[in-house]
Amino acid sequence: MAKERGFFMVSYDLSDNKRRTKIAHLLEGYGERVQYSVFEVWATAAEIEKLRKRLKPYVKEEGSVRIYQLCAACQTTREVLGQGTPTEVPELQIV
């Protein structure tokens, strides 16, 4: 049985360049960068939990990472003003 994937927005605000770069590289393995510090991620609950654990060491008192899950209805109403297109739903992969 396939695990259901959800749509998440992940943003970060960190002043330390080294930690900010490490978080960006980490997030590139999970989703698509849509703004300098914003990623769109299609993931299972287990993958998001793993991501949270991997992000925690980089977040100190002065910085933050925010993870928002968008409901199925919200996914259909996404729009982009200006350059770019909404991230496409990944094709189903059967393993």
PDB file of N, CA and C in Angstrom:
ATOM      1  N   MET A   1       0.841  -1.178   0.000  1.00  0.00           N
ATOM      2  CA  MET A   1       0.000   0.000   0.000  1.00  0.00           C
ATOM      3  C   MET A   1       0.892   1.249   0.000  1.00  0.00           C
ATOM      4  N   ALA A   2       0.593   2.182  -0.880  1.00  0.00           N
ATOM      5  CA  ALA A   2       1.401   3.403  -1.001  1.00  0.00           C
ATOM      6  C   ALA A   2       1.114   4.355   0.149  1.00  0.00           C
ATOM      7  N   LYS A   3       2.146   5.011   0.618  1.00  0.00           N
ATOM      8  CA  LYS A   3       1.979   6.010   1.670  1.00  0.00           C
ATOM      9  C   LYS A   3       1.569   7.319   1.018  1.00  0.00           C
ATOM     10  N   GLU A   4       0.573   7.971   1.598  1.00  0.00           N
ATOM     11  CA  GLU A   4       0.039   9.197   1.010  1.00  0.00           C
ATOM     12  C   GLU A   4       0.992  10.370   1.207  1.00  0.00           C
ATOM     13  N   ARG A   5       1.211  11.093   0.132  1.00  0.00           N
ATOM     14  CA  ARG A   5       2.064  12.281   0.181  1.00  0.00           C
ATOM     15  C   ARG A   5       1.197  13.512   0.338  1.00  0.00           C
ATOM     16  N   GLY A   6       1.720  14.470   1.071  1.00  0.00           N
ATOM     17  CA  GLY A   6       1.056  15.751   1.244  1.00  0.00           C
ATOM     18  C   GLY A   6       1.921  16.863   0.689  1.00  0.00           C
ATOM     19  N   PHE A   7       1.328  18.035   0.581  1.00  0.00           N
ATOM     20  CA  PHE A   7       2.022  19.200   0.041  1.00  0.00           C
ATOM     21  C   PHE A   7       2.384  20.122   1.195  1.00  0.00           C
ATOM     22  N   PHE A   8       3.658  20.493   1.294  1.00  0.00           N
ATOM     23  CA  PHE A   8       4.157  21.315   2.389  1.00  0.00           C
ATOM     24  C   PHE A   8       4.924  22.510   1.839  1.00  0.00           C
ATOM     25  N   MET A   9       4.811  23.632   2.530  1.00  0.00           N
ATOM     26  CA  MET A   9       5.651  24.803   2.266  1.00  0.00           C
ATOM     27  C   MET A   9       6.631  24.871   3.430  1.00  0.00           C
ATOM     28  N   VAL A  10       7.906  25.004   3.127  1.00  0.00           N
ATOM     29  CA  VAL A  10       8.933  25.112   4.158  1.00  0.00           C
ATOM     30  C   VAL A  10       9.693  26.409   3.914  1.00  0.00           C
ATOM     31  N   SER A  11       9.740  27.250   4.948  1.00  0.00           N
ATOM     32  CA  SER A  11      10.486  28.505   4.830  1.00  0.00           C
ATOM     33  C   SER A  11      11.451  28.614   6.002  1.00  0.00           C
ATOM     34  N   TYR A  12      12.498  29.389   5.794  1.00  0.00           N
ATOM     35  CA  TYR A  12      13.465  29.566   6.872  1.00  0.00           C
ATOM     36  C   TYR A  12      13.955  31.000   6.903  1.00  0.00           C
ATOM     37  N   ASP A  13      14.354  31.419   8.104  1.00  0.00           N
ATOM     38  CA  ASP A  13      14.903  32.757   8.324  1.00  0.00           C
ATOM     39  C   ASP A  13      16.047  32.604   9.321  1.00  0.00           C
ATOM     40  N   LEU A  14      17.262  32.647   8.814  1.00  0.00           N
ATOM     41  CA  LEU A  14      18.450  32.477   9.648  1.00  0.00           C
ATOM     42  C   LEU A  14      19.471  33.538   9.278  1.00  0.00           C
ATOM     43  N   SER A  15      20.142  34.081  10.274  1.00  0.00           N
ATOM     44  CA  SER A  15      21.147  35.109  10.000  1.00  0.00           C
ATOM     45  C   SER A  15      22.525  34.517   9.696  1.00  0.00           C
ATOM     46  N   ASP A  16      22.787  33.316  10.168  1.00  0.00           N
ATOM     47  CA  ASP A  16      24.093  32.682   9.980  1.00  0.00           C
ATOM     48  C   ASP A  16      24.197  32.078   8.575  1.00  0.00           C
ATOM     49  N   ASN A  17      25.123  32.581   7.773  1.00  0.00           N
ATOM     50  CA  ASN A  17      25.269  32.131   6.382  1.00  0.00           C
ATOM     51  C   ASN A  17      25.544  30.634   6.265  1.00  0.00           C
ATOM     52  N   LYS A  18      26.400  30.109   7.125  1.00  0.00           N
ATOM     53  CA  LYS A  18      26.775  28.704   7.049  1.00  0.00           C
ATOM     54  C   LYS A  18      25.566  27.800   7.315  1.00  0.00           C
ATOM     55  N   ARG A  19      24.822  28.101   8.373  1.00  0.00           N
ATOM     56  CA  ARG A  19      23.637  27.292   8.690  1.00  0.00           C
ATOM     57  C   ARG A  19      22.559  27.457   7.620  1.00  0.00           C
ATOM     58  N   ARG A  20      22.396  28.670   7.109  1.00  0.00           N
ATOM     59  CA  ARG A  20      21.398  28.932   6.071  1.00  0.00           C
ATOM     60  C   ARG A  20      21.717  28.115   4.813  1.00  0.00           C
ATOM     61  N   THR A  21      22.986  28.065   4.437  1.00  0.00           N
ATOM     62  CA  THR A  21      23.403  27.295   3.263  1.00  0.00           C
ATOM     63  C   THR A  21      23.170  25.805   3.474  1.00  0.00           C
ATOM     64  N   LYS A  22      23.472  25.304   4.666  1.00  0.00           N
ATOM     65  CA  LYS A  22      23.267  23.883   4.952  1.00  0.00           C
ATOM     66  C   LYS A  22      21.786  23.521   4.896  1.00  0.00           C
ATOM     67  N   ILE A  23      20.927  24.395   5.422  1.00  0.00           N
ATOM     68  CA  ILE A  23      19.489  24.140   5.371  1.00  0.00           C
ATOM     69  C   ILE A  23      19.006  24.149   3.926  1.00  0.00           C
ATOM     70  N   ALA A  24      19.473  25.088   3.132  1.00  0.00           N
ATOM     71  CA  ALA A  24      19.068  25.150   1.721  1.00  0.00           C
ATOM     72  C   ALA A  24      19.454  23.862   0.997  1.00  0.00           C
ATOM     73  N   HIS A  25      20.673  23.382   1.205  1.00  0.00           N
ATOM     74  CA  HIS A  25      21.117  22.142   0.557  1.00  0.00           C
ATOM     75  C   HIS A  25      20.285  20.952   1.031  1.00  0.00           C
ATOM     76  N   LEU A  26      19.969  20.916   2.298  1.00  0.00           N
ATOM     77  CA  LEU A  26      19.145  19.843   2.837  1.00  0.00           C
ATOM     78  C   LEU A  26      17.761  19.859   2.190  1.00  0.00           C
ATOM     79  N   LEU A  27      17.144  21.034   2.116  1.00  0.00           N
ATOM     80  CA  LEU A  27      15.804  21.148   1.544  1.00  0.00           C
ATOM     81  C   LEU A  27      15.777  20.840   0.049  1.00  0.00           C
ATOM     82  N   GLU A  28      16.868  21.102  -0.650  1.00  0.00           N
ATOM     83  CA  GLU A  28      16.927  20.784  -2.081  1.00  0.00           C
ATOM     84  C   GLU A  28      16.753  19.285  -2.328  1.00  0.00           C
ATOM     85  N   GLY A  29      17.078  18.471  -1.332  1.00  0.00           N
ATOM     86  CA  GLY A  29      16.876  17.033  -1.442  1.00  0.00           C
ATOM     87  C   GLY A  29      15.445  16.603  -1.188  1.00  0.00           C
ATOM     88  N   TYR A  30      14.613  17.516  -0.727  1.00  0.00           N
ATOM     89  CA  TYR A  30      13.229  17.191  -0.398  1.00  0.00           C
ATOM     90  C   TYR A  30      12.215  17.839  -1.335  1.00  0.00           C
ATOM     91  N   GLY A  31      12.563  18.974  -1.933  1.00  0.00           N
ATOM     92  CA  GLY A  31      11.568  19.665  -2.740  1.00  0.00           C
ATOM     93  C   GLY A  31      12.167  20.685  -3.673  1.00  0.00           C
ATOM     94  N   GLU A  32      11.300  21.555  -4.165  1.00  0.00           N
ATOM     95  CA  GLU A  32      11.685  22.559  -5.148  1.00  0.00           C
ATOM     96  C   GLU A  32      11.752  23.942  -4.507  1.00  0.00           C
ATOM     97  N   ARG A  33      12.857  24.619  -4.747  1.00  0.00           N
ATOM     98  CA  ARG A  33      13.008  25.989  -4.245  1.00  0.00           C
ATOM     99  C   ARG A  33      12.160  26.904  -5.125  1.00  0.00           C
ATOM    100  N   VAL A  34      11.261  27.682  -4.482  1.00  0.00           N
ATOM    101  CA  VAL A  34      10.394  28.590  -5.236  1.00  0.00           C
ATOM    102  C   VAL A  34      10.697  30.050  -4.936  1.00  0.00           C
ATOM    103  N   GLN A  35      11.376  30.318  -3.860  1.00  0.00           N
ATOM    104  CA  GLN A  35      11.875  31.640  -3.490  1.00  0.00           C
ATOM    105  C   GLN A  35      13.215  31.391  -2.790  1.00  0.00           C
ATOM    106  N   TYR A  36      13.922  32.463  -2.477  1.00  0.00           N
ATOM    107  CA  TYR A  36      15.244  32.302  -1.874  1.00  0.00           C
ATOM    108  C   TYR A  36      15.206  31.400  -0.636  1.00  0.00           C
ATOM    109  N   SER A  37      14.234  31.593   0.229  1.00  0.00           N
ATOM    110  CA  SER A  37      14.176  30.800   1.466  1.00  0.00           C
ATOM    111  C   SER A  37      12.845  30.059   1.620  1.00  0.00           C
ATOM    112  N   VAL A  38      12.233  29.691   0.501  1.00  0.00           N
ATOM    113  CA  VAL A  38      10.954  28.970   0.525  1.00  0.00           C
ATOM    114  C   VAL A  38      11.025  27.776  -0.423  1.00  0.00           C
ATOM    115  N   PHE A  39      10.613  26.618   0.087  1.00  0.00           N
ATOM    116  CA  PHE A  39      10.580  25.392  -0.708  1.00  0.00           C
ATOM    117  C   PHE A  39       9.180  24.805  -0.688  1.00  0.00           C
ATOM    118  N   GLU A  40       8.784  24.185  -1.799  1.00  0.00           N
ATOM    119  CA  GLU A  40       7.557  23.404  -1.873  1.00  0.00           C
ATOM    120  C   GLU A  40       7.972  21.942  -1.877  1.00  0.00           C
ATOM    121  N   VAL A  41       7.342  21.158  -1.005  1.00  0.00           N
ATOM    122  CA  VAL A  41       7.755  19.773  -0.787  1.00  0.00           C
ATOM    123  C   VAL A  41       6.539  18.853  -0.845  1.00  0.00           C
ATOM    124  N   TRP A  42       6.617  17.786  -1.632  1.00  0.00           N
ATOM    125  CA  TRP A  42       5.637  16.700  -1.608  1.00  0.00           C
ATOM    126  C   TRP A  42       6.279  15.582  -0.809  1.00  0.00           C
ATOM    127  N   ALA A  43       5.661  15.196   0.320  1.00  0.00           N
ATOM    128  CA  ALA A  43       6.298  14.206   1.185  1.00  0.00           C
ATOM    129  C   ALA A  43       5.267  13.462   2.019  1.00  0.00           C
ATOM    130  N   THR A  44       5.668  12.302   2.504  1.00  0.00           N
ATOM    131  CA  THR A  44       4.843  11.557   3.450  1.00  0.00           C
ATOM    132  C   THR A  44       5.063  12.142   4.846  1.00  0.00           C
ATOM    133  N   ALA A  45       4.213  11.759   5.773  1.00  0.00           N
ATOM    134  CA  ALA A  45       4.371  12.212   7.157  1.00  0.00           C
ATOM    135  C   ALA A  45       5.718  11.752   7.718  1.00  0.00           C
ATOM    136  N   ALA A  46       6.131  10.544   7.375  1.00  0.00           N
ATOM    137  CA  ALA A  46       7.416  10.018   7.857  1.00  0.00           C
ATOM    138  C   ALA A  46       8.584  10.827   7.293  1.00  0.00           C
ATOM    139  N   GLU A  47       8.490  11.227   6.029  1.00  0.00           N
ATOM    140  CA  GLU A  47       9.557  12.027   5.423  1.00  0.00           C
ATOM    141  C   GLU A  47       9.643  13.409   6.063  1.00  0.00           C
ATOM    142  N   ILE A  48       8.492  13.997   6.384  1.00  0.00           N
ATOM    143  CA  ILE A  48       8.487  15.310   7.038  1.00  0.00           C
ATOM    144  C   ILE A  48       9.062  15.198   8.443  1.00  0.00           C
ATOM    145  N   GLU A  49       8.746  14.129   9.143  1.00  0.00           N
ATOM    146  CA  GLU A  49       9.306  13.934  10.481  1.00  0.00           C
ATOM    147  C   GLU A  49      10.826  13.792  10.410  1.00  0.00           C
ATOM    148  N   LYS A  50      11.310  13.058   9.426  1.00  0.00           N
ATOM    149  CA  LYS A  50      12.757  12.916   9.230  1.00  0.00           C
ATOM    150  C   LYS A  50      13.380  14.274   8.914  1.00  0.00           C
ATOM    151  N   LEU A  51      12.708  15.061   8.076  1.00  0.00           N
ATOM    152  CA  LEU A  51      13.194  16.399   7.737  1.00  0.00           C
ATOM    153  C   LEU A  51      13.273  17.275   8.985  1.00  0.00           C
ATOM    154  N   ARG A  52      12.238  17.245   9.827  1.00  0.00           N
ATOM    155  CA  ARG A  52      12.248  18.030  11.080  1.00  0.00           C
ATOM    156  C   ARG A  52      13.477  17.692  11.922  1.00  0.00           C
ATOM    157  N   LYS A  53      13.736  16.406  12.070  1.00  0.00           N
ATOM    158  CA  LYS A  53      14.880  15.970  12.878  1.00  0.00           C
ATOM    159  C   LYS A  53      16.201  16.437  12.277  1.00  0.00           C
ATOM    160  N   ARG A  54      16.288  16.428  10.955  1.00  0.00           N
ATOM    161  CA  ARG A  54      17.526  16.854  10.297  1.00  0.00           C
ATOM    162  C   ARG A  54      17.707  18.371  10.360  1.00  0.00           C
ATOM    163  N   LEU A  55      16.608  19.124  10.423  1.00  0.00           N
ATOM    164  CA  LEU A  55      16.679  20.587  10.474  1.00  0.00           C
ATOM    165  C   LEU A  55      17.008  21.117  11.868  1.00  0.00           C
ATOM    166  N   LYS A  56      16.541  20.427  12.907  1.00  0.00           N
ATOM    167  CA  LYS A  56      16.670  20.923  14.285  1.00  0.00           C
ATOM    168  C   LYS A  56      18.067  21.398  14.673  1.00  0.00           C
ATOM    169  N   PRO A  57      19.131  20.677  14.353  1.00  0.00           N
ATOM    170  CA  PRO A  57      20.464  21.131  14.778  1.00  0.00           C
ATOM    171  C   PRO A  57      20.878  22.489  14.207  1.00  0.00           C
ATOM    172  N   TYR A  58      20.268  22.905  13.110  1.00  0.00           N
ATOM    173  CA  TYR A  58      20.654  24.166  12.470  1.00  0.00           C
ATOM    174  C   TYR A  58      19.864  25.366  12.966  1.00  0.00           C
ATOM    175  N   VAL A  59      18.810  25.122  13.725  1.00  0.00           N
ATOM    176  CA  VAL A  59      17.950  26.214  14.179  1.00  0.00           C
ATOM    177  C   VAL A  59      18.299  26.563  15.618  1.00  0.00           C
ATOM    178  N   LYS A  60      18.756  27.772  15.818  1.00  0.00           N
ATOM    179  CA  LYS A  60      19.107  28.258  17.151  1.00  0.00           C
ATOM    180  C   LYS A  60      18.062  29.278  17.585  1.00  0.00           C
ATOM    181  N   GLU A  61      18.303  29.949  18.692  1.00  0.00           N
ATOM    182  CA  GLU A  61      17.335  30.894  19.246  1.00  0.00           C
ATOM    183  C   GLU A  61      16.985  32.033  18.295  1.00  0.00           C
ATOM    184  N   GLU A  62      17.929  32.485  17.480  1.00  0.00           N
ATOM    185  CA  GLU A  62      17.687  33.667  16.647  1.00  0.00           C
ATOM    186  C   GLU A  62      17.096  33.341  15.277  1.00  0.00           C
ATOM    187  N   GLY A  63      16.942  32.092  14.927  1.00  0.00           N
ATOM    188  CA  GLY A  63      16.430  31.732  13.608  1.00  0.00           C
ATOM    189  C   GLY A  63      15.160  30.910  13.701  1.00  0.00           C
ATOM    190  N   SER A  64      14.581  30.644  12.538  1.00  0.00           N
ATOM    191  CA  SER A  64      13.388  29.802  12.532  1.00  0.00           C
ATOM    192  C   SER A  64      13.236  29.083  11.200  1.00  0.00           C
ATOM    193  N   VAL A  65      12.590  27.928  11.269  1.00  0.00           N
ATOM    194  CA  VAL A  65      12.138  27.188  10.098  1.00  0.00           C
ATOM    195  C   VAL A  65      10.657  26.949  10.320  1.00  0.00           C
ATOM    196  N   ARG A  66       9.864  27.224   9.290  1.00  0.00           N
ATOM    197  CA  ARG A  66       8.415  27.021   9.385  1.00  0.00           C
ATOM    198  C   ARG A  66       7.999  25.988   8.355  1.00  0.00           C
ATOM    199  N   ILE A  67       7.158  25.046   8.783  1.00  0.00           N
ATOM    200  CA  ILE A  67       6.640  24.004   7.901  1.00  0.00           C
ATOM    201  C   ILE A  67       5.122  24.096   7.936  1.00  0.00           C
ATOM    202  N   TYR A  68       4.540  24.358   6.767  1.00  0.00           N
ATOM    203  CA  TYR A  68       3.087  24.464   6.645  1.00  0.00           C
ATOM    204  C   TYR A  68       2.590  23.347   5.738  1.00  0.00           C
ATOM    205  N   GLN A  69       1.571  22.619   6.192  1.00  0.00           N
ATOM    206  CA  GLN A  69       0.947  21.631   5.315  1.00  0.00           C
ATOM    207  C   GLN A  69      -0.284  22.265   4.686  1.00  0.00           C
ATOM    208  N   LEU A  70      -0.406  22.139   3.371  1.00  0.00           N
ATOM    209  CA  LEU A  70      -1.567  22.662   2.664  1.00  0.00           C
ATOM    210  C   LEU A  70      -2.540  21.524   2.398  1.00  0.00           C
ATOM    211  N   CYS A  71      -3.802  21.760   2.679  1.00  0.00           N
ATOM    212  CA  CYS A  71      -4.826  20.735   2.481  1.00  0.00           C
ATOM    213  C   CYS A  71      -5.048  20.494   0.988  1.00  0.00           C
ATOM    214  N   ALA A  72      -5.755  19.422   0.663  1.00  0.00           N
ATOM    215  CA  ALA A  72      -6.006  19.074  -0.739  1.00  0.00           C
ATOM    216  C   ALA A  72      -6.747  20.192  -1.470  1.00  0.00           C
ATOM    217  N   ALA A  73      -7.712  20.823  -0.816  1.00  0.00           N
ATOM    218  CA  ALA A  73      -8.453  21.920  -1.453  1.00  0.00           C
ATOM    219  C   ALA A  73      -7.536  23.113  -1.723  1.00  0.00           C
ATOM    220  N   CYS A  74      -6.625  23.385  -0.814  1.00  0.00           N
ATOM    221  CA  CYS A  74      -5.688  24.504  -0.987  1.00  0.00           C
ATOM    222  C   CYS A  74      -4.743  24.259  -2.156  1.00  0.00           C
ATOM    223  N   GLN A  75      -4.386  23.016  -2.383  1.00  0.00           N
ATOM    224  CA  GLN A  75      -3.458  22.686  -3.463  1.00  0.00           C
ATOM    225  C   GLN A  75      -4.030  23.059  -4.821  1.00  0.00           C
ATOM    226  N   THR A  76      -5.334  22.954  -4.974  1.00  0.00           N
ATOM    227  CA  THR A  76      -5.953  23.246  -6.270  1.00  0.00           C
ATOM    228  C   THR A  76      -6.132  24.735  -6.506  1.00  0.00           C
ATOM    229  N   THR A  77      -5.972  25.544  -5.472  1.00  0.00           N
ATOM    230  CA  THR A  77      -6.184  26.987  -5.628  1.00  0.00           C
ATOM    231  C   THR A  77      -4.881  27.779  -5.630  1.00  0.00           C
ATOM    232  N   ARG A  78      -3.761  27.101  -5.688  1.00  0.00           N
ATOM    233  CA  ARG A  78      -2.475  27.806  -5.725  1.00  0.00           C
ATOM    234  C   ARG A  78      -2.358  28.594  -7.015  1.00  0.00           C
ATOM    235  N   GLU A  79      -1.743  29.746  -6.925  1.00  0.00           N
ATOM    236  CA  GLU A  79      -1.461  30.515  -8.134  1.00  0.00           C
ATOM    237  C   GLU A  79      -0.163  31.275  -7.959  1.00  0.00           C
ATOM    238  N   VAL A  80       0.451  31.594  -9.064  1.00  0.00           N
ATOM    239  CA  VAL A  80       1.698  32.350  -9.066  1.00  0.00           C
ATOM    240  C   VAL A  80       1.458  33.624  -9.846  1.00  0.00           C
ATOM    241  N   LEU A  81       1.775  34.747  -9.242  1.00  0.00           N
ATOM    242  CA  LEU A  81       1.723  36.021  -9.947  1.00  0.00           C
ATOM    243  C   LEU A  81       3.145  36.364 -10.346  1.00  0.00           C
ATOM    244  N   GLY A  82       3.373  36.676 -11.581  1.00  0.00           N
ATOM    245  CA  GLY A  82       4.728  36.954 -12.047  1.00  0.00           C
ATOM    246  C   GLY A  82       5.376  35.708 -12.602  1.00  0.00           C
ATOM    247  N   GLN A  83       6.676  35.595 -12.430  1.00  0.00           N
ATOM    248  CA  GLN A  83       7.437  34.494 -13.014  1.00  0.00           C
ATOM    249  C   GLN A  83       7.229  33.203 -12.242  1.00  0.00           C
ATOM    250  N   GLY A  84       7.323  32.100 -12.945  1.00  0.00           N
ATOM    251  CA  GLY A  84       7.234  30.790 -12.314  1.00  0.00           C
ATOM    252  C   GLY A  84       5.869  30.166 -12.490  1.00  0.00           C
ATOM    253  N   THR A  85       5.793  28.901 -12.147  1.00  0.00           N
ATOM    254  CA  THR A  85       4.542  28.154 -12.208  1.00  0.00           C
ATOM    255  C   THR A  85       4.403  27.362 -10.921  1.00  0.00           C
ATOM    256  N   PRO A  86       3.161  27.026 -10.531  1.00  0.00           N
ATOM    257  CA  PRO A  86       3.001  26.199  -9.329  1.00  0.00           C
ATOM    258  C   PRO A  86       3.714  24.857  -9.497  1.00  0.00           C
ATOM    259  N   THR A  87       4.262  24.357  -8.423  1.00  0.00           N
ATOM    260  CA  THR A  87       4.926  23.058  -8.441  1.00  0.00           C
ATOM    261  C   THR A  87       3.907  21.989  -8.806  1.00  0.00           C
ATOM    262  N   GLU A  88       4.281  21.125  -9.734  1.00  0.00           N
ATOM    263  CA  GLU A  88       3.388  20.063 -10.186  1.00  0.00           C
ATOM    264  C   GLU A  88       3.360  18.919  -9.177  1.00  0.00           C
ATOM    265  N   VAL A  89       2.223  18.239  -9.131  1.00  0.00           N
ATOM    266  CA  VAL A  89       2.099  17.046  -8.300  1.00  0.00           C
ATOM    267  C   VAL A  89       2.975  15.969  -8.924  1.00  0.00           C
ATOM    268  N   PRO A  90       3.871  15.359  -8.142  1.00  0.00           N
ATOM    269  CA  PRO A  90       4.728  14.312  -8.712  1.00  0.00           C
ATOM    270  C   PRO A  90       3.893  13.137  -9.202  1.00  0.00           C
ATOM    271  N   GLU A  91       4.363  12.494 -10.256  1.00  0.00           N
ATOM    272  CA  GLU A  91       3.665  11.330 -10.778  1.00  0.00           C
ATOM    273  C   GLU A  91       3.755  10.186  -9.781  1.00  0.00           C
ATOM    274  N   LEU A  92       2.738   9.355  -9.782  1.00  0.00           N
ATOM    275  CA  LEU A  92       2.699   8.184  -8.916  1.00  0.00           C
ATOM    276  C   LEU A  92       3.812   7.225  -9.307  1.00  0.00           C
ATOM    277  N   GLN A  93       4.550   6.769  -8.317  1.00  0.00           N
ATOM    278  CA  GLN A  93       5.606   5.797  -8.566  1.00  0.00           C
ATOM    279  C   GLN A  93       5.282   4.527  -7.798  1.00  0.00           C
ATOM    280  N   ILE A  94       5.232   3.417  -8.495  1.00  0.00           N
ATOM    281  CA  ILE A  94       4.968   2.134  -7.851  1.00  0.00           C
ATOM    282  C   ILE A  94       6.288   1.397  -7.739  1.00  0.00           C
ATOM    283  N   VAL A  95       6.622   1.019  -6.510  1.00  0.00           N
ATOM    284  CA  VAL A  95       7.898   0.354  -6.260  1.00  0.00           C
ATOM    285  C   VAL A  95       7.645  -1.091  -5.907  1.00  0.00           C
TER     286      VAL A  95
END
